Amino acid sequence: MKEIIKLNKVSKVFSTEEMDTYALNEIDLVITSGEYVSITGPSGCGKSTLLSILGLLDVSSSGQYYVSDVDVSEMDDKHRSAIRNKEIGFVFQSFNLISDLSVEENVALSLRYRKDISASDYTKMAHDALTKVDMLHRAKHYPAQLSGGQQQRVAIARAIVGNPSVVLADEPTGNLDSKNATAIMALFDQLHQAGTTICMVTHNPDDAAKADRIVEMKDGKVVAGHEAVAAKQEDALETA
């Protein structure tokens, strides 16, 4: 399988006059095409820092990071933004929709910065993405007119609209009630079954168990990694 993400001894250090603090300490990680990976661990273990680096929202202090075989470690901001816009979809805990743009406009916004997509395709691609998350009927509405679960569906549509190589999700059910959280996790499962590569940070063990593989972190390091087979078997027994 093609490697979508590869980290080689990636560290993130925050330095002060008194000491160096390692948010990440020589992380090695590979995510291949079509995988569904969850990253778990206690608060402060480095999960969000890792996701920010994976999403090219932050840079590492050392180590190499490859996205679809392209080394992005030493890229300038302009080139990193271009790679991020084409290769990476991001789903935030707090949705991060723009309040004065319609649902359709929110989803299509990132496409306007891509030279390989014509303006005539923006609307069609946005509608296709909204159809996948069952939100096309809300295309002309604004975020304030939507429930939390609906806003997260729109945020997922925005993440997948440009057919990225990987979708990164940061605690995607953290701001939702249990009913909406269950629906969002079911949507991620549908996207994965359709071939989407997903990497999700979560502190929720039930959400983590939905993935194919669980990566556990502690004190800025990967301390374990295993398939989520047992948890999936339990789910199957409960629904049988």
Protein backbone atom coordinates (compact mmCIF):
# COMPACT_ATOMS: atom_id res chain seq x y z
CA MET A 1 0.00 0.00 0.00
CA LYS A 2 1.15 3.55 -0.72
CA GLU A 3 2.53 5.51 2.22
CA ILE A 4 0.47 8.66 2.65
CA ILE A 5 2.16 9.87 5.83
CA LYS A 6 5.64 9.02 7.07
CA LEU A 7 7.34 10.52 10.10
CA ASN A 8 10.97 9.75 10.81
CA LYS A 9 12.19 10.68 14.32
CA VAL A 10 10.08 13.84 14.46
CA SER A 11 10.49 15.96 17.58
CA LYS A 12 8.91 19.21 18.70
CA VAL A 13 10.76 21.18 21.36
CA PHE A 14 9.62 24.30 23.17
CA SER A 15 12.65 26.12 24.56
CA THR A 16 12.93 28.68 27.34
CA GLU A 17 15.96 30.12 29.11
CA GLU A 18 15.51 27.56 31.87
CA MET A 19 14.80 24.33 29.97
CA ASP A 20 13.73 22.50 26.82
CA THR A 21 10.33 20.78 26.86
CA TYR A 22 9.72 17.97 24.39
CA ALA A 23 6.10 17.99 23.20
CA LEU A 24 7.10 15.24 20.75
CA ASN A 25 10.16 13.05 21.14
CA GLU A 26 11.43 11.20 18.05
CA ILE A 27 8.08 10.05 16.69
CA ASP A 28 8.06 7.40 13.96
CA LEU A 29 4.73 6.87 12.22
CA VAL A 30 3.52 5.51 8.89
CA ILE A 31 -0.07 5.71 7.60
CA THR A 32 -0.86 3.97 4.33
CA SER A 33 -3.57 4.60 1.76
CA GLY A 34 -7.02 3.53 2.95
CA GLU A 35 -6.06 3.14 6.61
CA TYR A 36 -8.17 4.37 9.53
CA VAL A 37 -5.86 5.22 12.44
CA SER A 38 -6.73 6.67 15.83
CA ILE A 39 -4.19 8.39 18.07
CA THR A 40 -4.95 8.21 21.78
CA GLY A 41 -3.36 9.08 25.09
CA PRO A 42 -3.80 11.25 28.19
CA SER A 43 -4.13 15.04 28.06
CA GLY A 44 -0.79 16.68 27.42
CA CYS A 45 0.80 13.63 25.80
CA GLY A 46 1.38 15.41 22.47
CA LYS A 47 -1.64 14.24 20.42
CA SER A 48 -2.74 17.70 19.28
CA THR A 49 0.84 18.81 18.62
CA LEU A 50 1.35 15.74 16.45
CA LEU A 51 -1.86 16.41 14.53
CA SER A 52 -0.85 20.05 13.95
CA ILE A 53 2.42 18.87 12.42
CA LEU A 54 0.67 16.21 10.33
CA GLY A 55 -1.73 18.89 9.10
CA LEU A 56 1.14 21.27 8.26
CA LEU A 57 -0.26 23.80 10.71
CA ASP A 58 3.00 23.64 12.68
CA VAL A 59 6.58 22.57 12.00
CA SER A 60 8.74 20.06 13.82
CA SER A 61 12.02 20.97 15.51
CA SER A 62 13.79 17.99 13.95
CA GLY A 63 13.13 14.86 11.91
CA GLN A 64 11.58 14.26 8.49
CA TYR A 65 7.94 14.36 7.44
CA TYR A 66 6.76 12.98 4.09
CA VAL A 67 3.29 13.48 2.61
CA SER A 68 2.67 11.20 -0.38
CA ASP A 69 6.46 10.74 -0.73
CA VAL A 70 7.13 14.50 -0.71
CA ASP A 71 9.47 15.76 2.03
CA VAL A 72 7.67 18.75 3.57
CA SER A 73 10.08 19.18 6.49
CA GLU A 74 12.03 22.10 5.03
CA MET A 75 9.35 23.70 2.86
CA ASP A 76 8.53 27.38 3.18
CA ASP A 77 5.04 28.53 4.20
CA LYS A 78 3.84 29.04 0.62
CA HIS A 79 4.70 25.52 -0.50
CA ARG A 80 3.43 23.98 2.75
CA SER A 81 0.07 25.74 2.26
CA ALA A 82 -0.18 24.39 -1.29
CA ILE A 83 0.53 20.84 -0.12
CA ARG A 84 -1.92 21.17 2.77
CA ASN A 85 -4.70 22.46 0.53
CA LYS A 86 -4.29 19.61 -1.96
CA GLU A 87 -3.30 16.64 0.20
CA ILE A 88 -4.90 17.17 3.62
CA GLY A 89 -8.47 17.59 4.86
CA PHE A 90 -8.92 18.78 8.44
CA VAL A 91 -11.89 18.28 10.79
CA PHE A 92 -11.74 20.36 13.96
CA GLN A 93 -13.49 19.77 17.28
CA SER A 94 -15.06 23.24 17.15
CA PHE A 95 -16.17 22.95 13.46
CA ASN A 96 -14.44 26.25 12.46
CA LEU A 97 -17.07 27.23 9.90
CA ILE A 98 -17.18 30.85 8.73
CA SER A 99 -20.41 32.35 10.04
CA ASP A 100 -21.13 34.77 7.18
CA LEU A 101 -20.65 32.16 4.46
CA SER A 102 -23.35 29.68 3.47
CA VAL A 103 -22.86 25.95 3.88
CA GLU A 104 -22.07 25.64 0.18
CA GLU A 105 -19.60 28.53 0.32
CA ASN A 106 -17.86 27.11 3.41
CA VAL A 107 -17.35 23.77 1.71
CA ALA A 108 -16.11 25.26 -1.57
CA LEU A 109 -13.82 27.88 -0.02
CA SER A 110 -10.58 25.86 -0.06
CA LEU A 111 -11.08 25.00 -3.74
CA ARG A 112 -10.72 28.63 -4.71
CA TYR A 113 -7.03 28.48 -3.80
CA ARG A 114 -6.29 25.50 -6.03
CA LYS A 115 -5.02 26.24 -9.52
CA ASP A 116 -5.83 22.72 -10.71
CA ILE A 117 -9.59 23.17 -10.17
CA SER A 118 -11.64 25.47 -12.38
CA ALA A 119 -14.23 27.87 -10.99
CA SER A 120 -16.95 26.00 -12.86
CA ASP A 121 -16.21 22.90 -10.76
CA TYR A 122 -16.48 24.57 -7.33
CA THR A 123 -20.22 24.23 -6.92
CA LYS A 124 -20.44 20.71 -8.31
CA MET A 125 -17.66 19.45 -6.04
CA ALA A 126 -19.22 21.16 -3.01
CA HIS A 127 -22.59 19.59 -3.80
CA ASP A 128 -20.98 16.16 -4.22
CA ALA A 129 -19.27 16.46 -0.84
CA LEU A 130 -22.47 17.66 0.86
CA THR A 131 -24.35 14.73 -0.66
CA LYS A 132 -21.86 12.32 0.92
CA VAL A 133 -22.60 13.74 4.39
CA ASP A 134 -26.35 14.10 3.77
CA MET A 135 -26.32 17.90 3.97
CA LEU A 136 -27.07 19.02 0.41
CA HIS A 137 -30.55 20.12 1.49
CA ARG A 138 -28.86 22.71 3.75
CA ALA A 139 -26.52 24.11 1.09
CA LYS A 140 -27.98 27.64 1.22
CA HIS A 141 -28.23 27.80 5.02
CA TYR A 142 -25.70 29.45 7.33
CA PRO A 143 -23.81 27.80 10.22
CA ALA A 144 -25.94 29.51 12.89
CA GLN A 145 -29.01 27.83 11.39
CA LEU A 146 -27.55 24.35 11.94
CA SER A 147 -27.27 22.05 14.93
CA GLY A 148 -23.85 21.02 16.22
CA GLY A 149 -24.09 17.67 14.48
CA GLN A 150 -25.05 19.32 11.20
CA GLN A 151 -22.17 21.78 11.48
CA GLN A 152 -19.74 18.92 11.96
CA ARG A 153 -21.17 17.18 8.89
CA VAL A 154 -20.53 20.35 6.90
CA ALA A 155 -17.00 20.50 8.34
CA ILE A 156 -16.41 16.93 7.16
CA ALA A 157 -17.74 17.85 3.70
CA ARG A 158 -15.26 20.73 3.64
CA ALA A 159 -12.46 18.31 4.58
CA ILE A 160 -13.24 15.82 1.79
CA VAL A 161 -14.33 18.19 -0.99
CA GLY A 162 -10.92 18.35 -2.67
CA ASN A 163 -10.34 14.58 -2.53
CA PRO A 164 -7.35 14.85 -0.15
CA SER A 165 -4.90 12.01 0.42
CA VAL A 166 -5.77 11.94 4.13
CA VAL A 167 -8.41 13.39 6.45
CA LEU A 168 -7.14 14.46 9.87
CA ALA A 169 -9.73 14.76 12.65
CA ASP A 170 -9.06 16.43 16.01
CA GLU A 171 -11.54 15.17 18.65
CA PRO A 172 -14.37 15.32 16.06
CA THR A 173 -17.09 14.34 18.56
CA GLY A 174 -15.78 16.43 21.46
CA ASN A 175 -18.44 19.16 21.16
CA LEU A 176 -21.36 16.84 20.38
CA ASP A 177 -23.98 15.01 22.43
CA SER A 178 -23.94 11.22 22.36
CA LYS A 179 -26.55 10.89 19.61
CA ASN A 180 -24.76 13.24 17.23
CA ALA A 181 -21.37 11.79 18.19
CA THR A 182 -22.57 8.31 17.22
CA ALA A 183 -23.85 9.63 13.89
CA ILE A 184 -20.55 11.38 13.13
CA MET A 185 -18.54 8.26 13.93
CA ALA A 186 -20.84 6.25 11.65
CA LEU A 187 -20.15 8.81 8.91
CA PHE A 188 -16.39 8.41 9.34
CA ASP A 189 -16.87 4.66 9.03
CA GLN A 190 -18.80 5.15 5.77
CA LEU A 191 -16.09 7.41 4.37
CA HIS A 192 -13.43 4.88 5.34
CA GLN A 193 -15.36 2.06 3.69
CA ALA A 194 -15.45 4.20 0.54
CA GLY A 195 -11.66 4.44 0.58
CA THR A 196 -10.89 7.60 2.58
CA THR A 197 -7.67 7.55 4.61
CA ILE A 198 -8.40 8.85 8.12
CA CYS A 199 -6.19 9.78 11.07
CA MET A 200 -8.17 10.78 14.17
CA VAL A 201 -6.99 12.11 17.52
CA THR A 202 -9.36 11.21 20.34
CA HIS A 203 -9.40 10.64 24.09
CA ASN A 204 -12.61 8.60 23.75
CA PRO A 205 -11.82 4.86 23.80
CA ASP A 206 -15.09 3.98 22.05
CA ASP A 207 -14.28 6.34 19.19
CA ALA A 208 -10.69 5.07 19.02
CA ALA A 209 -11.94 1.50 18.71
CA LYS A 210 -13.74 2.34 15.45
CA ALA A 211 -10.39 2.63 13.69
CA ASP A 212 -8.37 -0.19 12.15
CA ARG A 213 -5.30 0.70 14.20
CA ILE A 214 -4.78 2.47 17.52
CA VAL A 215 -1.57 4.43 18.20
CA GLU A 216 -1.06 5.18 21.89
CA MET A 217 1.02 8.15 23.07
CA LYS A 218 2.50 9.14 26.42
CA ASP A 219 4.87 11.98 27.31
CA GLY A 220 5.46 12.90 23.68
CA LYS A 221 6.29 9.39 22.54
CA VAL A 222 4.48 6.56 20.78
CA VAL A 223 4.35 3.84 23.42
CA ALA A 224 2.15 1.27 21.68
CA GLY A 225 0.34 0.49 18.47
CA HIS A 226 -2.11 -2.27 17.76
CA GLU A 227 -5.05 -3.24 15.61
CA ALA A 228 -8.48 -2.49 17.04
CA VAL A 229 -9.67 -6.01 16.27
CA ALA A 230 -10.95 -6.95 19.73
CA ALA A 231 -13.03 -3.80 20.03
CA LYS A 232 -14.51 -4.32 16.56
CA GLN A 233 -15.42 -7.89 17.45
CA GLU A 234 -17.22 -6.66 20.57
CA ASP A 235 -19.17 -4.15 18.45
CA ALA A 236 -20.16 -6.93 16.05
CA LEU A 237 -21.40 -9.11 18.89
CA GLU A 238 -23.45 -6.27 20.36
CA THR A 239 -25.19 -5.59 17.04
CA ALA A 240 -25.68 -9.24 16.13
